[in-house]
C-alpha atoms as a PDB file:
ATOM      1  CA  MET A   1       0.237   0.155  -0.166  1.00  0.00           C
ATOM      2  CA  GLY A   2       2.734   2.397  -0.713  1.00  0.00           C
ATOM      3  CA  GLU A   3       0.774   4.515  -3.032  1.00  0.00           C
ATOM      4  CA  LYS A   4      -0.780   7.481  -1.222  1.00  0.00           C
ATOM      5  CA  ALA A   5      -4.374   7.932  -1.899  1.00  0.00           C
ATOM      6  CA  ALA A   6      -3.908  12.086  -2.213  1.00  0.00           C
ATOM      7  CA  ASP A   7      -1.454  11.260  -5.056  1.00  0.00           C
ATOM      8  CA  ARG A   8      -4.132   8.619  -6.811  1.00  0.00           C
ATOM      9  CA  GLN A   9      -6.966   9.117  -9.275  1.00  0.00           C
ATOM     10  CA  GLU A  10     -10.035  10.355  -7.596  1.00  0.00           C
ATOM     11  CA  PRO A  11     -10.856   7.593  -5.952  1.00  0.00           C
ATOM     12  CA  ALA A  12     -14.562   7.098  -7.268  1.00  0.00           C
ATOM     13  CA  GLY A  13     -14.093  10.296 -10.161  1.00  0.00           C
ATOM     14  CA  GLN A  14     -16.954  12.935  -9.449  1.00  0.00           C
ATOM     15  CA  ALA A  15     -16.462  15.188  -6.353  1.00  0.00           C
ATOM     16  CA  ILE A  16     -19.872  14.289  -3.926  1.00  0.00           C
ATOM     17  CA  TRP A  17     -18.977  17.783  -2.112  1.00  0.00           C
ATOM     18  CA  THR A  18     -16.297  20.995  -2.124  1.00  0.00           C
ATOM     19  CA  GLY A  19     -16.244  23.262   0.285  1.00  0.00           C
ATOM     20  CA  THR A  20     -13.778  23.908   3.466  1.00  0.00           C
ATOM     21  CA  ILE A  21     -12.320  22.420   6.464  1.00  0.00           C
ATOM     22  CA  GLY A  22     -11.404  24.010   9.244  1.00  0.00           C
ATOM     23  CA  PHE A  23     -10.869  24.749  12.723  1.00  0.00           C
ATOM     24  CA  SER A  24      -9.754  28.240  14.634  1.00  0.00           C
ATOM     25  CA  LEU A  25      -8.410  30.302  11.965  1.00  0.00           C
ATOM     26  CA  VAL A  26      -7.482  26.956   9.223  1.00  0.00           C
ATOM     27  CA  ALA A  27      -9.500  27.302   6.702  1.00  0.00           C
ATOM     28  CA  ILE A  28      -8.184  24.450   3.953  1.00  0.00           C
ATOM     29  CA  PRO A  29     -10.761  23.511   0.123  1.00  0.00           C
ATOM     30  CA  VAL A  30     -11.038  20.847  -0.055  1.00  0.00           C
ATOM     31  CA  ARG A  31     -13.318  18.148  -2.396  1.00  0.00           C
ATOM     32  CA  LEU A  32     -15.479  14.897  -1.215  1.00  0.00           C
ATOM     33  CA  VAL A  33     -15.514  11.705  -2.682  1.00  0.00           C
ATOM     34  CA  ARG A  34     -15.989   8.132  -2.307  1.00  0.00           C
ATOM     35  CA  ALA A  35     -13.313   5.998  -0.833  1.00  0.00           C
ATOM     36  CA  ILE A  36     -15.138   2.695  -1.195  1.00  0.00           C
ATOM     37  CA  GLU A  37     -17.406   0.810  -4.267  1.00  0.00           C
ATOM     38  CA  PRO A  38     -19.989  -1.587  -3.445  1.00  0.00           C
ATOM     39  CA  GLY A  39     -18.895  -4.931  -4.066  1.00  0.00           C
ATOM     40  CA  ARG A  40     -22.675  -5.714  -4.361  1.00  0.00           C
ATOM     41  CA  VAL A  41     -23.518  -7.880  -7.720  1.00  0.00           C
ATOM     42  CA  SER A  42     -26.857  -6.624  -8.959  1.00  0.00           C
ATOM     43  CA  PHE A  43     -29.713  -8.413 -10.660  1.00  0.00           C
ATOM     44  CA  ARG A  44     -32.852  -7.251 -12.115  1.00  0.00           C
ATOM     45  CA  LEU A  45     -36.386  -8.849 -11.600  1.00  0.00           C
ATOM     46  CA  LEU A  46     -37.003  -9.817 -15.204  1.00  0.00           C
ATOM     47  CA  HIS A  47     -40.768 -10.589 -15.610  1.00  0.00           C
ATOM     48  CA  ARG A  48     -40.303 -14.923 -16.328  1.00  0.00           C
ATOM     49  CA  THR A  49     -42.900 -14.901 -19.735  1.00  0.00           C
ATOM     50  CA  ASP A  50     -41.217 -12.266 -22.114  1.00  0.00           C
ATOM     51  CA  TYR A  51     -37.997 -10.806 -19.937  1.00  0.00           C
ATOM     52  CA  SER A  52     -39.175  -7.549 -19.267  1.00  0.00           C
ATOM     53  CA  PRO A  53     -37.990  -5.555 -16.487  1.00  0.00           C
ATOM     54  CA  LEU A  54     -40.328  -5.266 -13.235  1.00  0.00           C
ATOM     55  CA  LEU A  55     -40.758  -2.450 -12.063  1.00  0.00           C
ATOM     56  CA  ARG A  56     -41.992  -1.032  -8.746  1.00  0.00           C
ATOM     57  CA  ARG A  57     -44.440   0.761  -8.165  1.00  0.00           C
ATOM     58  CA  MET A  58     -47.227   2.218  -4.733  1.00  0.00           C
ATOM     59  CA  VAL A  59     -50.695   0.053  -4.852  1.00  0.00           C
ATOM     60  CA  CYS A  60     -52.866   0.905  -2.687  1.00  0.00           C
ATOM     61  CA  PRO A  61     -54.127  -2.534  -0.544  1.00  0.00           C
ATOM     62  CA  GLU A  62     -57.149  -1.668  -0.235  1.00  0.00           C
ATOM     63  CA  GLU A  63     -58.661  -0.213  -3.660  1.00  0.00           C
ATOM     64  CA  GLY A  64     -55.711  -2.549  -5.197  1.00  0.00           C
ATOM     65  CA  LYS A  65     -54.300   0.313  -7.634  1.00  0.00           C
ATOM     66  CA  ILE A  66     -51.668   1.579  -7.966  1.00  0.00           C
ATOM     67  CA  VAL A  67     -51.509   5.278  -6.331  1.00  0.00           C
ATOM     68  CA  PRO A  68     -50.123   8.789  -8.261  1.00  0.00           C
ATOM     69  CA  PRO A  69     -47.315  10.112  -6.610  1.00  0.00           C
ATOM     70  CA  GLU A  70     -49.339  13.209  -5.959  1.00  0.00           C
ATOM     71  CA  GLU A  71     -51.646  11.016  -3.066  1.00  0.00           C
ATOM     72  CA  ILE A  72     -49.079   9.908  -2.011  1.00  0.00           C
ATOM     73  CA  ILE A  73     -48.039  11.656   1.560  1.00  0.00           C
ATOM     74  CA  ARG A  74     -45.894  10.722   4.783  1.00  0.00           C
ATOM     75  CA  GLY A  75     -46.907   8.791   8.182  1.00  0.00           C
ATOM     76  CA  TYR A  76     -45.164   8.285  11.513  1.00  0.00           C
ATOM     77  CA  GLU A  77     -47.109   5.119  12.470  1.00  0.00           C
ATOM     78  CA  ILE A  78     -47.187   5.517  16.604  1.00  0.00           C
ATOM     79  CA  GLY A  79     -49.340   2.073  16.890  1.00  0.00           C
ATOM     80  CA  PRO A  80     -51.018  -0.615  15.184  1.00  0.00           C
ATOM     81  CA  GLU A  81     -52.777   2.050  11.868  1.00  0.00           C
ATOM     82  CA  LYS A  82     -52.316   5.054  13.519  1.00  0.00           C
ATOM     83  CA  TYR A  83     -49.646   7.805  12.512  1.00  0.00           C
ATOM     84  CA  ILE A  84     -49.305  11.272  12.384  1.00  0.00           C
ATOM     85  CA  LEU A  85     -49.169  12.931   9.509  1.00  0.00           C
ATOM     86  CA  VAL A  86     -46.561  15.413   8.091  1.00  0.00           C
ATOM     87  CA  SER A  87     -46.094  17.321   5.344  1.00  0.00           C
ATOM     88  CA  ASP A  88     -42.644  17.808   3.243  1.00  0.00           C
ATOM     89  CA  ALA A  89     -42.528  21.288   3.968  1.00  0.00           C
ATOM     90  CA  GLU A  90     -42.267  20.340   7.664  1.00  0.00           C
ATOM     91  CA  LEU A  91     -39.783  18.014   7.376  1.00  0.00           C
ATOM     92  CA  GLU A  92     -38.423  20.471   4.783  1.00  0.00           C
ATOM     93  CA  SER A  93     -38.430  23.724   7.626  1.00  0.00           C
ATOM     94  CA  LEU A  94     -36.310  21.099  10.298  1.00  0.00           C
ATOM     95  CA  ALA A  95     -33.534  20.446   7.901  1.00  0.00           C
ATOM     96  CA  PRO A  96     -30.510  21.264   8.757  1.00  0.00           C
ATOM     97  CA  GLU A  97     -28.988  24.777   7.065  1.00  0.00           C
ATOM     98  CA  ARG A  98     -26.103  23.371   4.088  1.00  0.00           C
ATOM     99  CA  SER A  99     -22.676  24.523   5.741  1.00  0.00           C
ATOM    100  CA  ARG A 100     -20.072  24.723   3.102  1.00  0.00           C
ATOM    101  CA  THR A 101     -17.204  23.762   5.876  1.00  0.00           C
ATOM    102  CA  ILE A 102     -16.640  20.999   7.742  1.00  0.00           C
ATOM    103  CA  GLU A 103     -15.987  22.548  11.063  1.00  0.00           C
ATOM    104  CA  ILE A 104     -13.657  20.685  14.400  1.00  0.00           C
ATOM    105  CA  VAL A 105     -14.444  21.515  16.658  1.00  0.00           C
ATOM    106  CA  ASP A 106     -12.418  19.251  18.704  1.00  0.00           C
ATOM    107  CA  PHE A 107      -8.829  16.933  18.578  1.00  0.00           C
ATOM    108  CA  ILE A 108      -9.833  13.357  19.691  1.00  0.00           C
ATOM    109  CA  ASP A 109      -7.977  10.347  20.079  1.00  0.00           C
ATOM    110  CA  LEU A 110      -9.456   8.069  17.294  1.00  0.00           C
ATOM    111  CA  ALA A 111      -8.221   5.429  19.165  1.00  0.00           C
ATOM    112  CA  GLU A 112     -10.766   4.874  21.806  1.00  0.00           C
ATOM    113  CA  VAL A 113     -14.160   5.334  19.551  1.00  0.00           C
ATOM    114  CA  ASP A 114     -15.561   2.192  19.233  1.00  0.00           C
ATOM    115  CA  PRO A 115     -15.763   0.267  15.708  1.00  0.00           C
ATOM    116  CA  LEU A 116     -19.452   0.184  16.512  1.00  0.00           C
ATOM    117  CA  TYR A 117     -19.590   4.006  16.092  1.00  0.00           C
ATOM    118  CA  TYR A 118     -18.034   3.764  12.251  1.00  0.00           C
ATOM    119  CA  ASP A 119     -20.502   4.418   9.755  1.00  0.00           C
ATOM    120  CA  HIS A 120     -19.592   4.932   6.210  1.00  0.00           C
ATOM    121  CA  PRO A 121     -15.818   6.103   4.844  1.00  0.00           C
ATOM    122  CA  TYR A 122     -14.950   9.259   2.393  1.00  0.00           C
ATOM    123  CA  TYR A 123     -11.900  11.070   0.941  1.00  0.00           C
ATOM    124  CA  LEU A 124     -11.222  14.064   1.369  1.00  0.00           C
ATOM    125  CA  LEU A 125      -9.329  15.819  -1.386  1.00  0.00           C
ATOM    126  CA  PRO A 126      -7.550  19.132  -1.618  1.00  0.00           C
ATOM    127  CA  ALA A 127      -9.202  21.725  -3.754  1.00  0.00           C
ATOM    128  CA  LYS A 128      -7.188  24.056  -5.280  1.00  0.00           C
ATOM    129  CA  GLY A 129      -5.159  26.510  -4.152  1.00  0.00           C
ATOM    130  CA  GLY A 130      -5.346  23.990  -1.091  1.00  0.00           C
ATOM    131  CA  GLU A 131      -3.025  21.844  -2.008  1.00  0.00           C
ATOM    132  CA  LYS A 132      -0.012  22.744   0.547  1.00  0.00           C
ATOM    133  CA  ALA A 133      -1.598  23.220   3.877  1.00  0.00           C
ATOM    134  CA  TYR A 134      -3.263  20.094   2.748  1.00  0.00           C
ATOM    135  CA  ARG A 135      -0.622  17.679   3.280  1.00  0.00           C
ATOM    136  CA  LEU A 136       0.469  19.555   6.257  1.00  0.00           C
ATOM    137  CA  LEU A 137      -2.555  18.920   7.928  1.00  0.00           C
ATOM    138  CA  VAL A 138      -2.482  14.987   6.474  1.00  0.00           C
ATOM    139  CA  GLU A 139       1.462  15.022   8.043  1.00  0.00           C
ATOM    140  CA  VAL A 140       0.253  16.494  11.978  1.00  0.00           C
ATOM    141  CA  MET A 141      -3.056  14.444  12.242  1.00  0.00           C
ATOM    142  CA  ARG A 142      -0.717  11.078  10.674  1.00  0.00           C
ATOM    143  CA  ARG A 143       1.834  12.049  13.968  1.00  0.00           C
ATOM    144  CA  THR A 144       0.078  12.825  16.712  1.00  0.00           C
ATOM    145  CA  LYS A 145      -2.821  10.072  15.687  1.00  0.00           C
ATOM    146  CA  LYS A 146      -6.054  12.212  16.912  1.00  0.00           C
ATOM    147  CA  ALA A 147      -8.610  12.955  14.553  1.00  0.00           C
ATOM    148  CA  GLY A 148     -10.167  16.204  14.342  1.00  0.00           C
ATOM    149  CA  LEU A 149     -14.831  16.063  14.996  1.00  0.00           C
ATOM    150  CA  ALA A 150     -16.852  17.834  13.463  1.00  0.00           C
ATOM    151  CA  LYS A 151     -20.663  18.275  12.756  1.00  0.00           C
ATOM    152  CA  PHE A 152     -21.855  17.950   8.732  1.00  0.00           C
ATOM    153  CA  VAL A 153     -24.042  18.394   6.769  1.00  0.00           C
ATOM    154  CA  LEU A 154     -24.424  16.457   3.767  1.00  0.00           C
ATOM    155  CA  GLY A 155     -28.042  17.205   1.670  1.00  0.00           C
ATOM    156  CA  GLU A 156     -30.340  16.739   3.932  1.00  0.00           C
ATOM    157  CA  ARG A 157     -28.276  15.467   7.322  1.00  0.00           C
ATOM    158  CA  GLU A 158     -26.375  16.587   9.832  1.00  0.00           C
ATOM    159  CA  TYR A 159     -24.088  13.856  10.134  1.00  0.00           C
ATOM    160  CA  LEU A 160     -21.500  13.674  13.272  1.00  0.00           C
ATOM    161  CA  VAL A 161     -17.312  13.565  11.666  1.00  0.00           C
ATOM    162  CA  ALA A 162     -14.049  11.998  12.678  1.00  0.00           C
ATOM    163  CA  VAL A 163     -11.813  13.626   9.717  1.00  0.00           C
ATOM    164  CA  LYS A 164      -8.439  10.841  10.184  1.00  0.00           C
ATOM    165  CA  SER A 165      -5.235  10.666   8.572  1.00  0.00           C
ATOM    166  CA  ALA A 166      -5.346   7.661   6.373  1.00  0.00           C
ATOM    167  CA  ALA A 167      -2.838   6.043   3.856  1.00  0.00           C
ATOM    168  CA  GLY A 168      -1.537   9.414   2.177  1.00  0.00           C
ATOM    169  CA  ALA A 169      -5.119  11.446   2.347  1.00  0.00           C
ATOM    170  CA  LEU A 170      -8.044  12.635   4.833  1.00  0.00           C
ATOM    171  CA  CYS A 171     -10.278  10.052   5.552  1.00  0.00           C
ATOM    172  CA  LEU A 172     -13.860  11.850   6.434  1.00  0.00           C
ATOM    173  CA  MET A 173     -15.423   8.991   8.232  1.00  0.00           C
ATOM    174  CA  THR A 174     -19.421   9.298   9.048  1.00  0.00           C
ATOM    175  CA  LEU A 175     -20.388   8.473  13.045  1.00  0.00           C
ATOM    176  CA  HIS A 176     -23.202   6.274  13.989  1.00  0.00           C
ATOM    177  CA  TYR A 177     -24.910   9.409  17.090  1.00  0.00           C
ATOM    178  CA  SER A 178     -24.508   7.258  20.412  1.00  0.00           C
ATOM    179  CA  GLU A 179     -28.504   6.872  21.148  1.00  0.00           C
ATOM    180  CA  GLU A 180     -27.881   4.971  17.638  1.00  0.00           C
ATOM    181  CA  LEU A 181     -26.327   2.457  19.199  1.00  0.00           C
ATOM    182  CA  LEU A 182     -28.511  -0.534  21.112  1.00  0.00           C
ATOM    183  CA  ALA A 183     -27.004  -1.331  24.213  1.00  0.00           C
ATOM    184  CA  ALA A 184     -25.624  -5.004  24.259  1.00  0.00           C
ATOM    185  CA  GLU A 185     -26.933  -5.987  28.061  1.00  0.00           C
ATOM    186  CA  GLY A 186     -28.647  -9.463  28.424  1.00  0.00           C
ATOM    187  CA  LEU A 187     -26.750  -9.898  25.497  1.00  0.00           C
ATOM    188  CA  ALA A 188     -24.033 -12.187  27.192  1.00  0.00           C
ATOM    189  CA  PRO A 189     -24.704 -14.685  28.635  1.00  0.00           C
ATOM    190  CA  ALA A 190     -24.175 -14.834  32.172  1.00  0.00           C
ATOM    191  CA  ASP A 191     -20.533 -15.712  33.738  1.00  0.00           C
ATOM    192  CA  ALA A 192     -20.622 -19.222  34.990  1.00  0.00           C
ATOM    193  CA  GLY A 193     -16.944 -18.444  35.892  1.00  0.00           C
ATOM    194  CA  ILE A 194     -14.276 -18.703  33.824  1.00  0.00           C
ATOM    195  CA  ASP A 195     -11.764 -22.263  34.466  1.00  0.00           C
ATOM    196  CA  ARG A 196      -8.273 -21.040  34.014  1.00  0.00           C
ATOM    197  CA  ALA A 197      -6.771 -23.692  32.438  1.00  0.00           C
ATOM    198  CA  GLU A 198      -9.258 -23.585  29.697  1.00  0.00           C
ATOM    199  CA  LYS A 199      -8.452 -19.230  29.772  1.00  0.00           C
ATOM    200  CA  SER A 200      -4.258 -20.727  29.205  1.00  0.00           C
ATOM    201  CA  ARG A 201      -5.124 -22.463  27.013  1.00  0.00           C
ATOM    202  CA  LEU A 202      -7.760 -20.322  24.909  1.00  0.00           C
ATOM    203  CA  GLN A 203      -4.861 -17.602  25.032  1.00  0.00           C
ATOM    204  CA  LYS A 204      -2.407 -18.818  23.610  1.00  0.00           C
ATOM    205  CA  ILE A 205      -4.695 -20.340  19.795  1.00  0.00           C
ATOM    206  CA  VAL A 206      -5.234 -16.754  19.636  1.00  0.00           C
ATOM    207  CA  ARG A 207      -1.596 -16.054  20.447  1.00  0.00           C
ATOM    208  CA  GLU A 208      -0.649 -18.644  17.542  1.00  0.00           C
ATOM    209  CA  MET A 209      -3.090 -17.003  15.298  1.00  0.00           C
ATOM    210  CA  SER A 210      -2.154 -13.886  15.564  1.00  0.00           C
ATOM    211  CA  ALA A 211      -1.578 -11.860  12.038  1.00  0.00           C
ATOM    212  CA  ASP A 212      -0.105  -8.384  11.091  1.00  0.00           C
ATOM    213  CA  PHE A 213      -4.389  -7.277   9.119  1.00  0.00           C
ATOM    214  CA  ASN A 214      -3.393  -7.725   5.305  1.00  0.00           C
ATOM    215  CA  PRO A 215      -6.760  -6.786   3.508  1.00  0.00           C
ATOM    216  CA  ASP A 216      -5.448  -8.220   0.682  1.00  0.00           C
ATOM    217  CA  ARG A 217      -5.970 -12.183   1.908  1.00  0.00           C
ATOM    218  CA  TYR A 218      -9.480 -11.738   1.803  1.00  0.00           C
ATOM    219  CA  ALA A 219     -12.454 -11.789  -0.973  1.00  0.00           C
ATOM    220  CA  ASP A 220     -16.236 -11.851  -1.378  1.00  0.00           C
ATOM    221  CA  GLY A 221     -16.234 -15.721  -2.037  1.00  0.00           C
ATOM    222  CA  ARG A 222     -19.544 -15.704  -3.266  1.00  0.00           C
ATOM    223  CA  ARG A 223     -18.789 -12.377  -5.858  1.00  0.00           C
ATOM    224  CA  GLU A 224     -16.539 -14.314  -6.731  1.00  0.00           C
ATOM    225  CA  ARG A 225     -18.125 -17.066  -8.000  1.00  0.00           C
ATOM    226  CA  ILE A 226     -21.140 -15.148  -9.096  1.00  0.00           C
ATOM    227  CA  LEU A 227     -18.788 -13.626 -11.563  1.00  0.00           C
ATOM    228  CA  ALA A 228     -17.289 -16.812 -12.847  1.00  0.00           C
ATOM    229  CA  LEU A 229     -20.728 -17.936 -12.917  1.00  0.00           C
ATOM    230  CA  LEU A 230     -22.014 -14.860 -15.556  1.00  0.00           C
ATOM    231  CA  GLU A 231     -19.177 -14.958 -17.567  1.00  0.00           C
ATOM    232  CA  LYS A 232     -19.730 -18.833 -18.382  1.00  0.00           C
ATOM    233  CA  LYS A 233     -22.949 -18.554 -18.887  1.00  0.00           C
ATOM    234  CA  ARG A 234     -21.906 -15.105 -21.539  1.00  0.00           C
ATOM    235  CA  LYS A 235     -19.632 -17.182 -23.296  1.00  0.00           C
ATOM    236  CA  HIS A 236     -21.761 -20.035 -23.584  1.00  0.00           C
ATOM    237  CA  GLN A 237     -25.481 -19.213 -23.853  1.00  0.00           C
ATOM    238  CA  PRO A 238     -27.481 -16.854 -25.499  1.00  0.00           C
ATOM    239  CA  LEU A 239     -28.575 -14.079 -24.392  1.00  0.00           C
ATOM    240  CA  VAL A 240     -32.689 -13.219 -23.847  1.00  0.00           C
ATOM    241  CA  GLU A 241     -33.932  -9.968 -24.306  1.00  0.00           C
ATOM    242  CA  ALA A 242     -36.040  -7.671 -23.379  1.00  0.00           C
ATOM    243  CA  PRO A 243     -38.981  -6.154 -25.464  1.00  0.00           C
ATOM    244  CA  ALA A 244     -38.996  -2.260 -26.104  1.00  0.00           C
ATOM    245  CA  VAL A 245     -41.642  -0.902 -24.351  1.00  0.00           C
ATOM    246  CA  GLY A 246     -44.786  -0.622 -26.850  1.00  0.00           C
ATOM    247  CA  ASP A 247     -43.828  -3.677 -28.756  1.00  0.00           C
ATOM    248  CA  LYS A 248     -46.909  -5.739 -27.384  1.00  0.00           C
ATOM    249  CA  GLU A 249     -50.112  -5.471 -29.073  1.00  0.00           C
ATOM    250  CA  GLY A 250     -49.596  -1.621 -30.765  1.00  0.00           C
ATOM    251  CA  ALA A 251     -49.748  -0.635 -27.132  1.00  0.00           C
ATOM    252  CA  PRO A 252     -47.905   3.207 -26.950  1.00  0.00           C
ATOM    253  CA  VAL A 253     -44.227   3.846 -26.194  1.00  0.00           C
ATOM    254  CA  VAL A 254     -44.315   5.382 -22.442  1.00  0.00           C
ATOM    255  CA  ASP A 255     -41.247   7.739 -21.173  1.00  0.00           C
ATOM    256  CA  LEU A 256     -41.485   6.962 -18.058  1.00  0.00           C
ATOM    257  CA  VAL A 257     -38.925   9.520 -17.171  1.00  0.00           C
ATOM    258  CA  ALA A 258     -40.602  11.825 -18.378  1.00  0.00           C
ATOM    259  CA  ALA A 259     -43.915  10.688 -17.154  1.00  0.00           C
ATOM    260  CA  LEU A 260     -42.729  10.714 -13.673  1.00  0.00           C
ATOM    261  CA  ARG A 261     -41.417  14.484 -13.794  1.00  0.00           C
ATOM    262  CA  GLU A 262     -44.506  15.952 -14.970  1.00  0.00           C
ATOM    263  CA  ARG A 263     -46.306  14.248 -12.371  1.00  0.00           C
ATOM    264  CA  MET A 264     -43.365  15.531  -9.720  1.00  0.00           C
ATOM    265  CA  ALA A 265     -43.951  19.218 -11.895  1.00  0.00           C
ATOM    266  CA  GLU A 266     -47.796  19.017 -11.473  1.00  0.00           C
ATOM    267  CA  ALA A 267     -47.361  18.509  -7.824  1.00  0.00           C
ATOM    268  CA  LYS A 268     -45.065  21.538  -7.549  1.00  0.00           C
ATOM    269  CA  ARG A 269     -47.722  23.367  -8.730  1.00  0.00           C
ATOM    270  CA  LYS A 270     -50.728  22.587  -6.501  1.00  0.00           C
ATOM    271  CA  GLY A 271     -48.575  23.993  -3.843  1.00  0.00           C
ATOM    272  CA  ARG A 272     -46.473  20.577  -2.188  1.00  0.00           C
END
């Protein structure tokens, strides 16, 4: 892992967010980009008879009909079939104010943060004009082994984040709030006494199996087997084709994206 993250091509292409990371009188322009690419192999659900991709629709179970977007509202369930209605406007009024600054409020020892709090990693890369200050901050945080704790608004949500040095770059890790963690009380078995000989034996096994963490040694075996199966099928099995929309029985071709945009525009005109 000798290659530094900040020197590589941008990990996930386009920046998710641009702004500054700041503390005291320091302000460094940065770009937020993805740090991981999920390895999940996704499949489309098809109709067995004609291989048409299936669509997910909102259906009213009482009427058995598809519900158009302008008739969909939000409800918070407080009991069986009992809801508190909340409008989009009410939710928008509660959204945190968007910011162009990741303002560090504390520097903490990341070793004191339980991994249960870790949520999702991103890279913070230097924007034009901030390269020198960025490099300095990466090095100082690496040497001190500290992480900057901050609040950060992305989209409509305010995140608790930790900014740390990682592989020559800054890594931003979103953290769970304490109220999101489930208590561990009652999950572990009751203490039935520890046998000293058994304890010593287990400690010996742990010592013998201890190794440095090298993530390249481990791979998602199921994903690799699925990709191998797909490659084999691609080479030796004819592909199926879904019919073009509107091919059957002269049905009209419908631009679903355009239709959805039209419905959303109509909903806005009605004051939603």
